[in-house]
Amino acid sequence: MPDSLIIPLIQSFHTHTFAFFLTAIASVVVVGISKSGFGAGLGTLSLPLMASQVSVGEALAILLPLLIAIDLVGLQRFIRNANWRILKLVIPPAMIGMGLGVIFFKSITPKTLSFSIGIFTLLFLVQNLAMSHFDARDAKPYPWLGRFMGMTTGFTSFVAHIGGPPITLFMLREKLLPMVYTSTLGVFFTVINFGKIAPYAYLDLLNFQQLATSVLLLPCVPIGVYLGFYLAKRISMKWYYRTVRFFLLIAGVKLVIDGLI
């Protein structure tokens, strides 16, 4: 490998502290598990973990290539098992949400965003738990909810990589098999994350130094992804969705606390 490629990696390694790499590795593994097996809850922890050691903007930029790498690792399996009816419903409004994210990116404080998403998540989680006691055949599809959650996900994913809770709250209503659920979210977030590249570059969030840091963390991607797939295959549908709701609860509470502190 030419020195021109090695030197940025060495510089990036020496630029960051040991504590950064510990939290960054945990962040990447956590988001890999979340995106390949357990939907949304765990994924909300990834940005705060990394942002505890660097700025939020730098954390966003470092995570984006890794999120795309995680998407690509499982993409073939995702495409094969995804529910395309749902994807056609939620992707167009998600693009609108991302456009709103570009407009409002610099005017929304992280605390306000975290608190709002946290309250939003907890309220809809309560509603979902109440609805789960009814027979699945009695559940109504509510396309408007899918469009609204899609747009909300596009916005929150763009400004803070916190897209999981809104779309998961809609997906829980669909009562899909775990692999279909996981694959649908996988395809959805692949589209979302690739869509962030140009706007992030426009907002000067991306640079070569941060890309070098992403490359250093790249080996952690398959660990999280395959661990998520392993767990998802070995848990019953009932406990799978209980686990998703549990992590959503943890994520909602954490986001509210982050917004208040």
C-alpha atoms as a PDB file:
ATOM      1  CA  MET A   1       0.000   0.000   0.000  1.00  0.00           C
ATOM      2  CA  PRO A   2       1.450   3.388  -0.968  1.00  0.00           C
ATOM      3  CA  ASP A   3       2.677   5.680   1.807  1.00  0.00           C
ATOM      4  CA  SER A   4       0.055   8.239   0.771  1.00  0.00           C
ATOM      5  CA  LEU A   5      -2.619   5.834   2.029  1.00  0.00           C
ATOM      6  CA  ILE A   6      -0.779   4.548   5.106  1.00  0.00           C
ATOM      7  CA  ILE A   7       0.260   7.938   6.505  1.00  0.00           C
ATOM      8  CA  PRO A   8      -3.333   9.266   7.064  1.00  0.00           C
ATOM      9  CA  LEU A   9      -4.187   6.048   8.931  1.00  0.00           C
ATOM     10  CA  ILE A  10      -1.133   6.414  11.182  1.00  0.00           C
ATOM     11  CA  GLN A  11      -1.908  10.084  11.777  1.00  0.00           C
ATOM     12  CA  SER A  12      -5.512   9.279  12.630  1.00  0.00           C
ATOM     13  CA  PHE A  13      -4.420   6.565  15.042  1.00  0.00           C
ATOM     14  CA  HIS A  14      -2.110   8.964  16.905  1.00  0.00           C
ATOM     15  CA  THR A  15      -4.623  11.832  16.818  1.00  0.00           C
ATOM     16  CA  HIS A  16      -7.213  10.009  18.910  1.00  0.00           C
ATOM     17  CA  THR A  17      -6.912   8.743  22.458  1.00  0.00           C
ATOM     18  CA  PHE A  18      -7.152   5.167  23.679  1.00  0.00           C
ATOM     19  CA  ALA A  19     -10.493   6.074  25.309  1.00  0.00           C
ATOM     20  CA  PHE A  20     -11.796   7.215  21.925  1.00  0.00           C
ATOM     21  CA  PHE A  21     -10.989   3.903  20.267  1.00  0.00           C
ATOM     22  CA  LEU A  22     -12.586   1.936  23.105  1.00  0.00           C
ATOM     23  CA  THR A  23     -15.833   3.887  22.834  1.00  0.00           C
ATOM     24  CA  ALA A  24     -15.685   3.961  19.015  1.00  0.00           C
ATOM     25  CA  ILE A  25     -15.267   0.180  18.784  1.00  0.00           C
ATOM     26  CA  ALA A  26     -18.187  -0.295  21.170  1.00  0.00           C
ATOM     27  CA  SER A  27     -20.210   2.177  19.100  1.00  0.00           C
ATOM     28  CA  VAL A  28     -19.611   0.326  15.825  1.00  0.00           C
ATOM     29  CA  VAL A  29     -20.316  -3.131  17.283  1.00  0.00           C
ATOM     30  CA  VAL A  30     -23.482  -1.859  18.957  1.00  0.00           C
ATOM     31  CA  VAL A  31     -24.848  -0.292  15.778  1.00  0.00           C
ATOM     32  CA  GLY A  32     -23.945  -3.434  13.828  1.00  0.00           C
ATOM     33  CA  ILE A  33     -25.965  -5.599  16.213  1.00  0.00           C
ATOM     34  CA  SER A  34     -28.821  -3.121  16.116  1.00  0.00           C
ATOM     35  CA  LYS A  35     -29.041  -2.901  12.343  1.00  0.00           C
ATOM     36  CA  SER A  36     -28.711  -6.607  11.700  1.00  0.00           C
ATOM     37  CA  GLY A  37     -30.779  -8.012  14.502  1.00  0.00           C
ATOM     38  CA  PHE A  38     -32.628  -5.776  16.900  1.00  0.00           C
ATOM     39  CA  GLY A  39     -33.947  -2.763  15.031  1.00  0.00           C
ATOM     40  CA  ALA A  40     -33.603   0.558  16.750  1.00  0.00           C
ATOM     41  CA  GLY A  41     -32.974   0.662  20.453  1.00  0.00           C
ATOM     42  CA  LEU A  42     -29.309  -0.242  20.572  1.00  0.00           C
ATOM     43  CA  GLY A  43     -28.471   1.962  17.603  1.00  0.00           C
ATOM     44  CA  THR A  44     -29.365   5.149  19.471  1.00  0.00           C
ATOM     45  CA  LEU A  45     -26.386   4.535  21.750  1.00  0.00           C
ATOM     46  CA  SER A  46     -23.789   4.657  18.968  1.00  0.00           C
ATOM     47  CA  LEU A  47     -23.566   8.422  18.419  1.00  0.00           C
ATOM     48  CA  PRO A  48     -23.555   9.372  22.137  1.00  0.00           C
ATOM     49  CA  LEU A  49     -20.812   6.803  22.794  1.00  0.00           C
ATOM     50  CA  MET A  50     -18.529   8.239  20.133  1.00  0.00           C
ATOM     51  CA  ALA A  51     -19.533  11.850  20.792  1.00  0.00           C
ATOM     52  CA  SER A  52     -18.387  11.445  24.403  1.00  0.00           C
ATOM     53  CA  GLN A  53     -14.822  11.616  23.046  1.00  0.00           C
ATOM     54  CA  VAL A  54     -15.128  13.888  19.980  1.00  0.00           C
ATOM     55  CA  SER A  55     -17.513  16.571  18.711  1.00  0.00           C
ATOM     56  CA  VAL A  56     -20.964  15.570  17.493  1.00  0.00           C
ATOM     57  CA  GLY A  57     -20.122  16.713  13.960  1.00  0.00           C
ATOM     58  CA  GLU A  58     -16.961  14.596  13.886  1.00  0.00           C
ATOM     59  CA  ALA A  59     -18.821  11.602  15.308  1.00  0.00           C
ATOM     60  CA  LEU A  60     -21.496  11.953  12.606  1.00  0.00           C
ATOM     61  CA  ALA A  61     -18.834  12.040   9.894  1.00  0.00           C
ATOM     62  CA  ILE A  62     -16.864   9.059  11.259  1.00  0.00           C
ATOM     63  CA  LEU A  63     -19.977   6.930  11.705  1.00  0.00           C
ATOM     64  CA  LEU A  64     -21.505   7.534   8.266  1.00  0.00           C
ATOM     65  CA  PRO A  65     -19.028   5.414   6.211  1.00  0.00           C
ATOM     66  CA  LEU A  66     -19.275   2.700   8.864  1.00  0.00           C
ATOM     67  CA  LEU A  67     -23.071   2.734   8.735  1.00  0.00           C
ATOM     68  CA  ILE A  68     -22.862   2.348   4.958  1.00  0.00           C
ATOM     69  CA  ALA A  69     -20.366  -0.524   5.365  1.00  0.00           C
ATOM     70  CA  ILE A  70     -22.747  -2.232   7.812  1.00  0.00           C
ATOM     71  CA  ASP A  71     -25.578  -1.817   5.309  1.00  0.00           C
ATOM     72  CA  LEU A  72     -23.500  -3.347   2.513  1.00  0.00           C
ATOM     73  CA  VAL A  73     -22.417  -6.376   4.559  1.00  0.00           C
ATOM     74  CA  GLY A  74     -25.985  -7.621   4.833  1.00  0.00           C
ATOM     75  CA  LEU A  75     -27.512  -5.983   1.749  1.00  0.00           C
ATOM     76  CA  GLN A  76     -27.856  -9.117  -0.392  1.00  0.00           C
ATOM     77  CA  ARG A  77     -29.734 -10.872   2.405  1.00  0.00           C
ATOM     78  CA  PHE A  78     -31.769  -7.740   3.148  1.00  0.00           C
ATOM     79  CA  ILE A  79     -32.930  -7.350  -0.464  1.00  0.00           C
ATOM     80  CA  ARG A  80     -33.969 -10.998  -0.651  1.00  0.00           C
ATOM     81  CA  ASN A  81     -36.132 -10.862   2.491  1.00  0.00           C
ATOM     82  CA  ALA A  82     -37.403  -7.265   2.639  1.00  0.00           C
ATOM     83  CA  ASN A  83     -41.055  -6.238   2.508  1.00  0.00           C
ATOM     84  CA  TRP A  84     -41.169  -3.972  -0.552  1.00  0.00           C
ATOM     85  CA  ARG A  85     -44.712  -2.785   0.081  1.00  0.00           C
ATOM     86  CA  ILE A  86     -43.501  -1.107   3.267  1.00  0.00           C
ATOM     87  CA  LEU A  87     -40.372   0.262   1.596  1.00  0.00           C
ATOM     88  CA  LYS A  88     -42.398   1.926  -1.173  1.00  0.00           C
ATOM     89  CA  LEU A  89     -44.518   3.530   1.543  1.00  0.00           C
ATOM     90  CA  VAL A  90     -41.735   4.918   3.781  1.00  0.00           C
ATOM     91  CA  ILE A  91     -38.790   5.768   1.493  1.00  0.00           C
ATOM     92  CA  PRO A  92     -40.284   8.773  -0.406  1.00  0.00           C
ATOM     93  CA  PRO A  93     -41.307  10.647   2.778  1.00  0.00           C
ATOM     94  CA  ALA A  94     -37.918   9.770   4.288  1.00  0.00           C
ATOM     95  CA  MET A  95     -36.269  11.673   1.445  1.00  0.00           C
ATOM     96  CA  ILE A  96     -38.441  14.679   2.313  1.00  0.00           C
ATOM     97  CA  GLY A  97     -37.380  14.350   5.944  1.00  0.00           C
ATOM     98  CA  MET A  98     -33.719  14.373   4.929  1.00  0.00           C
ATOM     99  CA  GLY A  99     -34.310  17.521   2.914  1.00  0.00           C
ATOM    100  CA  LEU A 100     -35.770  19.156   6.025  1.00  0.00           C
ATOM    101  CA  GLY A 101     -32.725  17.925   7.934  1.00  0.00           C
ATOM    102  CA  VAL A 102     -30.414  19.788   5.558  1.00  0.00           C
ATOM    103  CA  ILE A 103     -32.422  23.003   6.041  1.00  0.00           C
ATOM    104  CA  PHE A 104     -32.632  22.824   9.841  1.00  0.00           C
ATOM    105  CA  PHE A 105     -29.336  21.050  10.635  1.00  0.00           C
ATOM    106  CA  LYS A 106     -27.575  24.035  12.197  1.00  0.00           C
ATOM    107  CA  SER A 107     -30.596  25.489  13.991  1.00  0.00           C
ATOM    108  CA  ILE A 108     -31.576  22.452  16.093  1.00  0.00           C
ATOM    109  CA  THR A 109     -29.636  21.812  19.281  1.00  0.00           C
ATOM    110  CA  PRO A 110     -28.703  18.190  20.092  1.00  0.00           C
ATOM    111  CA  LYS A 111     -30.452  18.436  23.481  1.00  0.00           C
ATOM    112  CA  THR A 112     -33.747  19.571  21.968  1.00  0.00           C
ATOM    113  CA  LEU A 113     -33.600  16.830  19.367  1.00  0.00           C
ATOM    114  CA  SER A 114     -32.750  14.119  21.909  1.00  0.00           C
ATOM    115  CA  PHE A 115     -35.530  15.160  24.295  1.00  0.00           C
ATOM    116  CA  SER A 116     -38.140  15.348  21.526  1.00  0.00           C
ATOM    117  CA  ILE A 117     -37.259  11.945  20.078  1.00  0.00           C
ATOM    118  CA  GLY A 118     -37.163  10.416  23.561  1.00  0.00           C
ATOM    119  CA  ILE A 119     -40.655  11.622  24.485  1.00  0.00           C
ATOM    120  CA  PHE A 120     -41.930  10.667  21.046  1.00  0.00           C
ATOM    121  CA  THR A 121     -40.477   7.159  21.400  1.00  0.00           C
ATOM    122  CA  LEU A 122     -41.867   6.546  24.897  1.00  0.00           C
ATOM    123  CA  LEU A 123     -45.378   7.727  23.989  1.00  0.00           C
ATOM    124  CA  PHE A 124     -45.593   5.541  20.910  1.00  0.00           C
ATOM    125  CA  LEU A 125     -44.025   2.606  22.750  1.00  0.00           C
ATOM    126  CA  VAL A 126     -46.818   2.802  25.331  1.00  0.00           C
ATOM    127  CA  GLN A 127     -49.354   2.881  22.498  1.00  0.00           C
ATOM    128  CA  ASN A 128     -47.692  -0.098  20.813  1.00  0.00           C
ATOM    129  CA  LEU A 129     -47.675  -2.133  24.018  1.00  0.00           C
ATOM    130  CA  ALA A 130     -51.373  -1.438  24.463  1.00  0.00           C
ATOM    131  CA  MET A 131     -52.129  -2.469  20.873  1.00  0.00           C
ATOM    132  CA  SER A 132     -50.060  -5.661  21.212  1.00  0.00           C
ATOM    133  CA  HIS A 133     -52.793  -7.130  23.427  1.00  0.00           C
ATOM    134  CA  PHE A 134     -55.221  -7.121  20.495  1.00  0.00           C
ATOM    135  CA  ASP A 135     -55.306  -9.834  17.876  1.00  0.00           C
ATOM    136  CA  ALA A 136     -52.963  -9.108  14.957  1.00  0.00           C
ATOM    137  CA  ARG A 137     -55.892  -9.632  12.568  1.00  0.00           C
ATOM    138  CA  ASP A 138     -57.651  -6.651  14.124  1.00  0.00           C
ATOM    139  CA  ALA A 139     -54.736  -4.271  13.523  1.00  0.00           C
ATOM    140  CA  LYS A 140     -55.282  -1.629  10.854  1.00  0.00           C
ATOM    141  CA  PRO A 141     -52.444  -0.759   8.426  1.00  0.00           C
ATOM    142  CA  TYR A 142     -52.504   3.075   8.834  1.00  0.00           C
ATOM    143  CA  PRO A 143     -50.436   4.098   5.748  1.00  0.00           C
ATOM    144  CA  TRP A 144     -50.361   7.710   7.000  1.00  0.00           C
ATOM    145  CA  LEU A 145     -48.439   6.520  10.076  1.00  0.00           C
ATOM    146  CA  GLY A 146     -45.838   4.841   7.871  1.00  0.00           C
ATOM    147  CA  ARG A 147     -45.382   8.006   5.829  1.00  0.00           C
ATOM    148  CA  PHE A 148     -45.120  10.191   8.916  1.00  0.00           C
ATOM    149  CA  MET A 149     -42.627   7.857  10.611  1.00  0.00           C
ATOM    150  CA  GLY A 150     -40.667   7.619   7.375  1.00  0.00           C
ATOM    151  CA  MET A 151     -40.354  11.398   7.154  1.00  0.00           C
ATOM    152  CA  THR A 152     -39.465  11.663  10.853  1.00  0.00           C
ATOM    153  CA  THR A 153     -36.823   8.972  10.439  1.00  0.00           C
ATOM    154  CA  GLY A 154     -35.280  10.730   7.465  1.00  0.00           C
ATOM    155  CA  PHE A 155     -35.016  13.936   9.480  1.00  0.00           C
ATOM    156  CA  THR A 156     -33.683  12.481  12.749  1.00  0.00           C
ATOM    157  CA  SER A 157     -31.322  10.104  10.978  1.00  0.00           C
ATOM    158  CA  PHE A 158     -29.822  12.974   8.998  1.00  0.00           C
ATOM    159  CA  VAL A 159     -29.230  15.313  11.940  1.00  0.00           C
ATOM    160  CA  ALA A 160     -28.145  12.762  14.547  1.00  0.00           C
ATOM    161  CA  HIS A 161     -28.077   9.186  13.171  1.00  0.00           C
ATOM    162  CA  ILE A 162     -31.116   8.538  15.420  1.00  0.00           C
ATOM    163  CA  GLY A 163     -33.454   7.158  12.798  1.00  0.00           C
ATOM    164  CA  GLY A 164     -34.264   3.846  14.439  1.00  0.00           C
ATOM    165  CA  PRO A 165     -36.989   4.630  17.007  1.00  0.00           C
ATOM    166  CA  PRO A 166     -39.529   6.372  14.715  1.00  0.00           C
ATOM    167  CA  ILE A 167     -39.508   3.790  11.925  1.00  0.00           C
ATOM    168  CA  THR A 168     -39.383   0.892  14.384  1.00  0.00           C
ATOM    169  CA  LEU A 169     -42.517   2.128  16.105  1.00  0.00           C
ATOM    170  CA  PHE A 170     -44.313   1.799  12.771  1.00  0.00           C
ATOM    171  CA  MET A 171     -42.676  -1.521  11.919  1.00  0.00           C
ATOM    172  CA  LEU A 172     -43.799  -3.070  15.198  1.00  0.00           C
ATOM    173  CA  ARG A 173     -47.405  -2.608  14.073  1.00  0.00           C
ATOM    174  CA  GLU A 174     -46.739  -4.681  10.963  1.00  0.00           C
ATOM    175  CA  LYS A 175     -45.976  -7.834  12.999  1.00  0.00           C
ATOM    176  CA  LEU A 176     -43.438  -9.170  10.499  1.00  0.00           C
ATOM    177  CA  LEU A 177     -41.259 -12.225  10.881  1.00  0.00           C
ATOM    178  CA  PRO A 178     -37.903 -11.244  12.469  1.00  0.00           C
ATOM    179  CA  MET A 179     -35.874 -11.739   9.274  1.00  0.00           C
ATOM    180  CA  VAL A 180     -38.385  -9.749   7.163  1.00  0.00           C
ATOM    181  CA  TYR A 181     -38.461  -7.015   9.804  1.00  0.00           C
ATOM    182  CA  THR A 182     -34.659  -6.826   9.949  1.00  0.00           C
ATOM    183  CA  SER A 183     -34.244  -6.942   6.161  1.00  0.00           C
ATOM    184  CA  THR A 184     -36.834  -4.224   5.525  1.00  0.00           C
ATOM    185  CA  LEU A 185     -35.081  -1.897   7.949  1.00  0.00           C
ATOM    186  CA  GLY A 186     -31.728  -2.853   6.402  1.00  0.00           C
ATOM    187  CA  VAL A 187     -32.765  -1.820   2.882  1.00  0.00           C
ATOM    188  CA  PHE A 188     -34.466   1.312   4.214  1.00  0.00           C
ATOM    189  CA  PHE A 189     -31.384   2.543   6.070  1.00  0.00           C
ATOM    190  CA  THR A 190     -29.093   1.662   3.160  1.00  0.00           C
ATOM    191  CA  VAL A 191     -31.058   4.151   1.042  1.00  0.00           C
ATOM    192  CA  ILE A 192     -31.055   6.717   3.876  1.00  0.00           C
ATOM    193  CA  ASN A 193     -27.318   6.480   4.589  1.00  0.00           C
ATOM    194  CA  PHE A 194     -26.246   6.692   0.950  1.00  0.00           C
ATOM    195  CA  GLY A 195     -28.538   9.699   0.657  1.00  0.00           C
ATOM    196  CA  LYS A 196     -26.599  11.504   3.411  1.00  0.00           C
ATOM    197  CA  ILE A 197     -23.260  11.566   1.581  1.00  0.00           C
ATOM    198  CA  ALA A 198     -23.806  14.574  -0.692  1.00  0.00           C
ATOM    199  CA  PRO A 199     -25.602  16.735   1.936  1.00  0.00           C
ATOM    200  CA  TYR A 200     -22.916  15.963   4.552  1.00  0.00           C
ATOM    201  CA  ALA A 201     -20.243  17.003   2.054  1.00  0.00           C
ATOM    202  CA  TYR A 202     -22.234  20.177   1.317  1.00  0.00           C
ATOM    203  CA  LEU A 203     -22.343  20.962   5.054  1.00  0.00           C
ATOM    204  CA  ASP A 204     -18.539  20.403   5.341  1.00  0.00           C
ATOM    205  CA  LEU A 205     -18.962  17.487   7.750  1.00  0.00           C
ATOM    206  CA  LEU A 206     -16.774  15.090   5.763  1.00  0.00           C
ATOM    207  CA  ASN A 207     -13.003  15.220   5.408  1.00  0.00           C
ATOM    208  CA  PHE A 208     -10.129  12.835   4.663  1.00  0.00           C
ATOM    209  CA  GLN A 209      -8.944  12.639   8.279  1.00  0.00           C
ATOM    210  CA  GLN A 210     -12.315  11.432   9.482  1.00  0.00           C
ATOM    211  CA  LEU A 211     -12.485   8.920   6.625  1.00  0.00           C
ATOM    212  CA  ALA A 212      -9.124   7.524   7.761  1.00  0.00           C
ATOM    213  CA  THR A 213     -10.560   7.059  11.260  1.00  0.00           C
ATOM    214  CA  SER A 214     -13.542   5.249   9.754  1.00  0.00           C
ATOM    215  CA  VAL A 215     -11.163   2.912   7.898  1.00  0.00           C
ATOM    216  CA  LEU A 216      -9.366   2.071  11.148  1.00  0.00           C
ATOM    217  CA  LEU A 217     -12.697   1.081  12.712  1.00  0.00           C
ATOM    218  CA  LEU A 218     -13.881  -0.866   9.659  1.00  0.00           C
ATOM    219  CA  PRO A 219     -12.841  -4.348  10.994  1.00  0.00           C
ATOM    220  CA  CYS A 220     -15.436  -3.941  13.774  1.00  0.00           C
ATOM    221  CA  VAL A 221     -18.299  -3.844  11.249  1.00  0.00           C
ATOM    222  CA  PRO A 222     -18.649  -7.585  10.473  1.00  0.00           C
ATOM    223  CA  ILE A 223     -18.386  -8.448  14.173  1.00  0.00           C
ATOM    224  CA  GLY A 224     -21.496  -6.457  15.065  1.00  0.00           C
ATOM    225  CA  VAL A 225     -23.439  -7.461  11.938  1.00  0.00           C
ATOM    226  CA  TYR A 226     -22.916 -11.202  12.242  1.00  0.00           C
ATOM    227  CA  LEU A 227     -23.484 -11.128  15.991  1.00  0.00           C
ATOM    228  CA  GLY A 228     -26.828  -9.458  15.307  1.00  0.00           C
ATOM    229  CA  PHE A 229     -27.776 -12.069  12.685  1.00  0.00           C
ATOM    230  CA  TYR A 230     -26.706 -14.870  15.039  1.00  0.00           C
ATOM    231  CA  LEU A 231     -28.892 -13.593  17.860  1.00  0.00           C
ATOM    232  CA  ALA A 232     -31.885 -12.870  15.613  1.00  0.00           C
ATOM    233  CA  LYS A 233     -31.932 -16.434  14.296  1.00  0.00           C
ATOM    234  CA  ARG A 234     -31.848 -17.985  17.749  1.00  0.00           C
ATOM    235  CA  ILE A 235     -34.655 -16.165  19.466  1.00  0.00           C
ATOM    236  CA  SER A 236     -38.394 -16.758  19.158  1.00  0.00           C
ATOM    237  CA  MET A 237     -40.599 -14.153  17.476  1.00  0.00           C
ATOM    238  CA  LYS A 238     -42.264 -13.386  20.822  1.00  0.00           C
ATOM    239  CA  TRP A 239     -38.976 -12.736  22.603  1.00  0.00           C
ATOM    240  CA  TYR A 240     -37.503 -11.007  19.566  1.00  0.00           C
ATOM    241  CA  TYR A 241     -40.140  -8.278  19.721  1.00  0.00           C
ATOM    242  CA  ARG A 242     -39.929  -8.113  23.507  1.00  0.00           C
ATOM    243  CA  THR A 243     -36.210  -7.466  23.091  1.00  0.00           C
ATOM    244  CA  VAL A 244     -36.856  -4.752  20.493  1.00  0.00           C
ATOM    245  CA  ARG A 245     -39.349  -3.048  22.817  1.00  0.00           C
ATOM    246  CA  PHE A 246     -36.927  -3.299  25.731  1.00  0.00           C
ATOM    247  CA  PHE A 247     -34.158  -1.548  23.831  1.00  0.00           C
ATOM    248  CA  LEU A 248     -36.629   1.049  22.579  1.00  0.00           C
ATOM    249  CA  LEU A 249     -37.589   1.751  26.195  1.00  0.00           C
ATOM    250  CA  ILE A 250     -33.925   2.104  27.213  1.00  0.00           C
ATOM    251  CA  ALA A 251     -33.255   4.333  24.203  1.00  0.00           C
ATOM    252  CA  GLY A 252     -36.295   6.526  24.898  1.00  0.00           C
ATOM    253  CA  VAL A 253     -35.362   7.060  28.545  1.00  0.00           C
ATOM    254  CA  LYS A 254     -31.729   7.783  27.635  1.00  0.00           C
ATOM    255  CA  LEU A 255     -32.711  10.319  24.963  1.00  0.00           C
ATOM    256  CA  VAL A 256     -34.983  12.153  27.415  1.00  0.00           C
ATOM    257  CA  ILE A 257     -32.203  12.253  30.027  1.00  0.00           C
ATOM    258  CA  ASP A 258     -29.685  13.479  27.403  1.00  0.00           C
ATOM    259  CA  GLY A 259     -32.105  16.258  26.500  1.00  0.00           C
ATOM    260  CA  LEU A 260     -32.551  17.353  30.109  1.00  0.00           C
ATOM    261  CA  ILE A 261     -28.969  17.225  31.362  1.00  0.00           C
END
